[in-house]
Protein backbone atom coordinates (compact mmCIF):
# COMPACT_ATOMS: atom_id res chain seq x y z
CA UNK A 1 71.85 17.88 68.58
CA UNK A 2 73.19 19.87 71.54
CA UNK A 3 70.61 20.78 74.18
CA UNK A 4 71.01 22.17 77.66
CA UNK A 5 69.88 24.47 80.43
CA UNK A 6 71.02 27.70 82.03
CA UNK A 7 70.31 27.69 85.77
CA UNK A 8 70.75 31.10 87.33
CA UNK A 9 69.25 33.53 89.86
CA UNK A 10 67.30 36.28 88.09
CA UNK A 11 67.43 39.67 89.82
CA UNK A 12 63.94 40.87 90.55
CA UNK A 13 62.88 43.90 88.54
CA UNK A 14 66.06 44.02 86.42
CA UNK A 15 64.88 42.80 83.01
CA UNK A 16 67.82 44.19 81.05
CA UNK A 17 70.35 42.53 83.36
CA UNK A 18 68.50 39.22 83.34
CA UNK A 19 68.00 39.15 79.58
CA UNK A 20 71.68 39.89 79.05
CA UNK A 21 72.58 37.01 81.40
CA UNK A 22 70.49 34.63 79.27
CA UNK A 23 71.96 36.06 76.07
CA UNK A 24 75.50 35.59 77.41
CA UNK A 25 74.67 31.98 78.29
CA UNK A 26 73.34 31.38 74.76
CA UNK A 27 76.57 32.70 73.29
CA UNK A 28 78.75 30.69 75.68
CA UNK A 29 76.85 27.42 75.33
CA UNK A 30 76.80 27.29 71.54
CA UNK A 31 73.91 24.86 71.85
CA UNK A 32 71.23 24.09 69.29
CA UNK A 33 68.66 24.60 72.06
CA UNK A 34 69.18 26.18 75.50
CA UNK A 35 66.42 26.48 78.12
CA UNK A 36 66.31 29.18 80.83
CA UNK A 37 63.98 29.38 83.89
CA UNK A 38 60.40 30.57 84.27
CA UNK A 39 59.97 34.37 84.41
CA UNK A 40 63.70 34.60 83.82
CA UNK A 41 63.48 38.23 82.72
CA UNK A 42 61.31 39.78 85.44
CA UNK A 43 61.82 37.70 88.56
CA UNK A 44 58.98 35.90 90.26
CA UNK A 45 57.63 37.31 93.56
CA UNK A 46 55.44 40.26 92.55
CA UNK A 47 54.12 42.57 95.24
CA UNK A 48 51.12 43.74 93.23
CA UNK A 49 49.26 43.39 89.95
CA UNK A 50 50.63 46.78 88.95
CA UNK A 51 54.18 45.52 89.47
CA UNK A 52 53.70 42.37 87.42
CA UNK A 53 52.08 44.41 84.65
CA UNK A 54 54.96 46.88 84.63
CA UNK A 55 57.49 44.04 84.31
CA UNK A 56 55.62 42.30 81.48
CA UNK A 57 56.77 42.60 77.86
CA UNK A 58 55.23 42.14 74.47
CA UNK A 59 56.42 39.24 72.32
CA UNK A 60 58.51 40.12 70.46
CA UNK A 61 59.96 42.74 72.76
CA UNK A 62 63.26 44.10 74.05
CA UNK A 63 64.35 40.96 75.92
CA UNK A 64 63.56 38.51 73.12
CA UNK A 65 65.24 40.82 70.60
CA UNK A 66 68.41 40.80 72.71
CA UNK A 67 68.33 37.02 73.04
CA UNK A 68 67.55 36.59 69.34
CA UNK A 69 70.72 38.52 68.51
CA UNK A 70 72.66 36.08 70.71
CA UNK A 71 71.00 33.17 68.89
CA UNK A 72 72.21 34.60 65.58
CA UNK A 73 75.74 34.75 66.93
CA UNK A 74 75.62 31.24 68.40
CA UNK A 75 73.60 29.60 65.64
CA UNK A 76 71.04 28.13 68.02
CA UNK A 77 67.78 28.76 69.83
CA UNK A 78 66.62 29.48 73.36
CA UNK A 79 63.47 28.84 75.37
CA UNK A 80 62.84 31.10 78.33
CA UNK A 81 60.06 32.06 80.68
CA UNK A 82 58.75 35.61 80.40
CA UNK A 83 55.84 37.71 81.69
CA UNK A 84 53.94 38.40 78.48
CA UNK A 85 51.83 41.48 77.88
CA UNK A 86 49.22 40.68 75.24
CA UNK A 87 46.20 42.53 73.91
CA UNK A 88 43.87 40.34 75.96
CA UNK A 89 45.81 40.27 79.23
CA UNK A 90 48.97 39.09 80.92
CA UNK A 91 50.42 35.58 80.73
CA UNK A 92 53.17 33.54 82.33
CA UNK A 93 54.67 32.40 79.04
CA UNK A 94 57.50 30.43 77.51
CA UNK A 95 59.02 31.84 74.33
CA UNK A 96 60.96 29.92 71.71
CA UNK A 97 63.50 32.40 70.36
CA UNK A 98 65.65 31.86 67.28
CA UNK A 99 68.01 33.85 65.09
CA UNK A 100 65.11 35.63 63.39
CA UNK A 101 63.08 36.38 66.52
CA UNK A 102 60.24 34.71 68.41
CA UNK A 103 59.32 31.42 66.74
CA UNK A 104 56.74 30.15 69.21
CA UNK A 105 54.90 31.03 72.41
CA UNK A 106 53.23 28.84 74.99
CA UNK A 107 51.08 30.38 77.74
CA UNK A 108 51.09 28.51 81.05
CA UNK A 109 47.86 26.58 81.47
CA UNK A 110 48.16 25.65 85.16
CA UNK A 111 48.90 28.64 87.37
CA UNK A 112 50.50 28.09 90.78
CA UNK A 113 49.71 29.99 93.97
CA UNK A 114 49.73 33.78 93.66
CA UNK A 115 50.37 33.55 89.93
CA UNK A 116 46.57 33.53 89.74
CA UNK A 117 46.58 37.13 90.99
CA UNK A 118 48.88 38.31 88.21
CA UNK A 119 48.24 36.22 85.10
CA UNK A 120 45.47 34.64 83.10
CA UNK A 121 45.70 30.92 82.42
CA UNK A 122 46.66 30.06 78.86
CA UNK A 123 43.82 28.89 76.64
CA UNK A 124 45.77 27.96 73.53
CA UNK A 125 46.44 24.33 74.39
CA UNK A 126 49.84 22.68 74.02
CA UNK A 127 51.36 23.51 70.63
CA UNK A 128 54.33 21.74 69.07
CA UNK A 129 56.91 23.75 67.14
CA UNK A 130 59.30 22.43 64.48
CA UNK A 131 62.83 23.75 64.21
CA UNK A 132 65.81 22.65 62.17
CA UNK A 133 68.86 21.60 64.17
CA UNK A 134 71.89 19.43 63.40
CA UNK A 135 70.61 18.91 59.86
CA UNK A 136 67.20 17.54 60.85
CA UNK A 137 63.72 18.72 61.73
CA UNK A 138 63.10 18.58 65.48
CA UNK A 139 59.73 18.92 67.20
CA UNK A 140 59.60 20.87 70.45
CA UNK A 141 56.93 21.34 73.09
CA UNK A 142 56.98 23.74 76.03
CA UNK A 143 55.52 23.56 79.53
CA UNK A 144 56.03 25.96 82.44
CA UNK A 145 56.78 24.85 86.01
CA UNK A 146 53.52 23.62 87.69
CA UNK A 147 52.34 22.16 84.37
CA UNK A 148 54.48 19.12 85.22
CA UNK A 149 51.87 18.06 87.80
CA UNK A 150 49.42 17.34 84.98
CA UNK A 151 50.44 14.28 82.93
CA UNK A 152 47.77 15.11 80.37
CA UNK A 153 49.80 18.17 79.31
CA UNK A 154 52.99 16.24 78.57
CA UNK A 155 51.07 13.39 76.94
CA UNK A 156 49.23 15.84 74.69
CA UNK A 157 52.56 17.21 73.48
CA UNK A 158 53.99 13.72 72.95
CA UNK A 159 50.93 12.53 71.03
CA UNK A 160 51.28 15.60 68.81
CA UNK A 161 54.82 14.48 67.96
CA UNK A 162 57.03 16.43 70.39
CA UNK A 163 60.46 14.88 70.76
CA UNK A 164 61.78 17.36 73.33
CA UNK A 165 59.79 19.04 76.10
CA UNK A 166 61.31 22.29 77.36
CA UNK A 167 60.34 23.12 80.94
CA UNK A 168 61.24 26.61 82.26
CA UNK A 169 60.58 26.53 86.00
CA UNK A 170 60.73 28.35 89.33
CA UNK A 171 60.30 25.28 91.53
CA UNK A 172 59.82 25.56 95.27
CA UNK A 173 58.92 21.94 96.09
CA UNK A 174 62.18 19.94 96.36
CA UNK A 175 62.55 16.92 94.04
CA UNK A 176 58.94 16.91 92.77
CA UNK A 177 59.63 18.02 89.21
CA UNK A 178 62.99 16.28 89.08
CA UNK A 179 61.09 13.04 89.70
CA UNK A 180 57.98 13.76 87.63
CA UNK A 181 59.97 14.85 84.57
CA UNK A 182 61.81 11.52 84.62
CA UNK A 183 58.45 9.76 84.80
CA UNK A 184 57.03 11.90 81.98
CA UNK A 185 60.08 11.02 79.88
CA UNK A 186 59.50 7.32 80.49
CA UNK A 187 55.74 7.26 80.02
CA UNK A 188 55.87 9.15 76.70
CA UNK A 189 59.47 8.38 75.67
CA UNK A 190 60.56 12.00 75.17
CA UNK A 191 63.57 14.10 76.07
CA UNK A 192 62.91 16.64 78.84
CA UNK A 193 64.93 19.79 79.57
CA UNK A 194 64.09 21.16 83.01
CA UNK A 195 65.60 24.63 83.61
CA UNK A 196 65.04 25.79 87.19
CA UNK A 197 66.32 28.79 89.12
CA UNK A 198 67.83 28.86 92.59
CA UNK A 199 68.12 31.36 95.44
CA UNK A 200 65.61 33.28 97.55
CA UNK A 201 63.38 36.20 96.59
CA UNK A 202 62.39 38.19 99.68
CA UNK A 203 60.04 41.05 98.89
CA UNK A 204 58.98 41.63 102.50
CA UNK A 205 55.52 41.31 104.03
CA UNK A 206 55.72 37.53 103.99
CA UNK A 207 56.39 37.39 100.24
CA UNK A 208 59.44 35.15 100.31
CA UNK A 209 60.19 32.07 98.23
CA UNK A 210 63.24 29.85 98.00
CA UNK A 211 63.85 27.99 94.75
CA UNK A 212 65.36 24.54 94.43
CA UNK A 213 67.75 24.51 91.46
CA UNK A 214 68.72 20.99 90.36
CA UNK A 215 67.98 21.59 86.68
CA UNK A 216 68.35 18.48 84.54
CA UNK A 217 68.03 16.84 81.13
CA UNK A 218 66.40 13.42 80.96
CA UNK A 219 66.30 10.87 78.14
CA UNK A 220 63.32 8.83 76.85
CA UNK A 221 64.30 5.97 79.18
CA UNK A 222 64.22 8.30 82.19
CA UNK A 223 67.97 8.45 82.58
CA UNK A 224 69.29 11.78 83.92
CA UNK A 225 71.88 12.88 81.36
CA UNK A 226 73.09 15.97 83.24
CA UNK A 227 71.98 17.64 86.45
CA UNK A 228 72.84 20.90 88.22
CA UNK A 229 73.38 21.33 91.96
CA UNK A 230 70.67 22.86 94.15
CA UNK A 231 72.58 26.14 94.40
CA UNK A 232 74.63 28.18 91.99
CA UNK A 233 74.73 29.22 88.37
CA UNK A 234 75.14 26.26 86.05
CA UNK A 235 75.29 26.02 82.27
CA UNK A 236 75.25 22.47 80.95
CA UNK A 237 74.87 21.08 77.44
CA UNK A 238 74.57 17.47 76.31
CA UNK A 239 74.45 15.75 72.92
CA UNK A 240 71.20 13.93 72.14
CA UNK A 241 69.55 12.26 69.16
CA UNK A 242 65.93 13.55 69.08
CA UNK A 243 64.95 10.64 66.79
CA UNK A 244 65.23 8.31 69.80
CA UNK A 245 61.98 9.89 71.00
CA UNK A 246 60.17 8.57 67.92
CA UNK A 247 60.66 4.98 69.07
CA UNK A 248 57.69 4.21 71.33
CA UNK A 249 58.44 0.49 71.62
CA UNK A 250 58.84 -0.84 75.16
CA UNK A 251 59.14 -4.51 74.19
CA UNK A 252 58.87 -6.39 70.90
CA UNK A 253 55.11 -6.67 71.55
CA UNK A 254 54.44 -3.36 73.27
CA UNK A 255 54.25 0.06 71.70
CA UNK A 256 53.16 2.96 73.90
CA UNK A 257 50.94 4.46 71.22
CA UNK A 258 49.53 1.26 69.72
CA UNK A 259 48.70 -0.16 73.17
CA UNK A 260 46.73 2.88 74.31
CA UNK A 261 43.02 2.27 75.10
CA UNK A 262 41.49 5.75 74.83
CA UNK A 263 37.98 4.27 74.66
CA UNK A 264 38.44 3.21 78.30
CA UNK A 265 39.91 6.45 79.64
CA UNK A 266 37.91 9.11 81.48
CA UNK A 267 39.92 12.32 81.74
């Protein structure tokens, strides 16, 4: 199975341009699964609640329809971050998009900083979605950016059978997620696709953030399979065998799932 990331610099308030950039990357990559950054369609640094609402979209909506058409052409799927407008509010979401449209949605559970002024925290838990790729069924989970700080989130996905965790991000803390995603891969023996953005968004009035790039794909043993630089567009794809994530053995006598002691844990 071919998985990868598209690291780029979304242009704030230009959803059509940003969605087309993701769609072009899907077509170029020809991957079974390509992950793009958090809020890849809208941009990130909102000046007001009205602005974030105006840049939110329904799912499905115009951006996911455009990307779905690219998936049909390429024969694969994409995961991207998007500001979702739902009947009960606005969410910082990740959408799994395939040839026939939106196949899954995850709403970010752990909001970071001023995201709390613009979005509601997701209440739907951590779902796992099954797709068919490279002739096999593959189980995918999604997290968004700051979710990586909470090992319970990744472990919940892994215990539910996820083989690949897709992680659209707009990271501003250098190296944190690049390290934690390797640890999450090791502790739950899963593949992890971290898709970060780079560049600076300066909206004035002190609303400026610089993003750290360095997107990467890690294997169940924590090895970094491919990694992007801190700056610049980067589209990378790597061949993996998702079934490797089903092997939870650490030694001949140690299995990560069989050795768990949930009766002792207090979470």
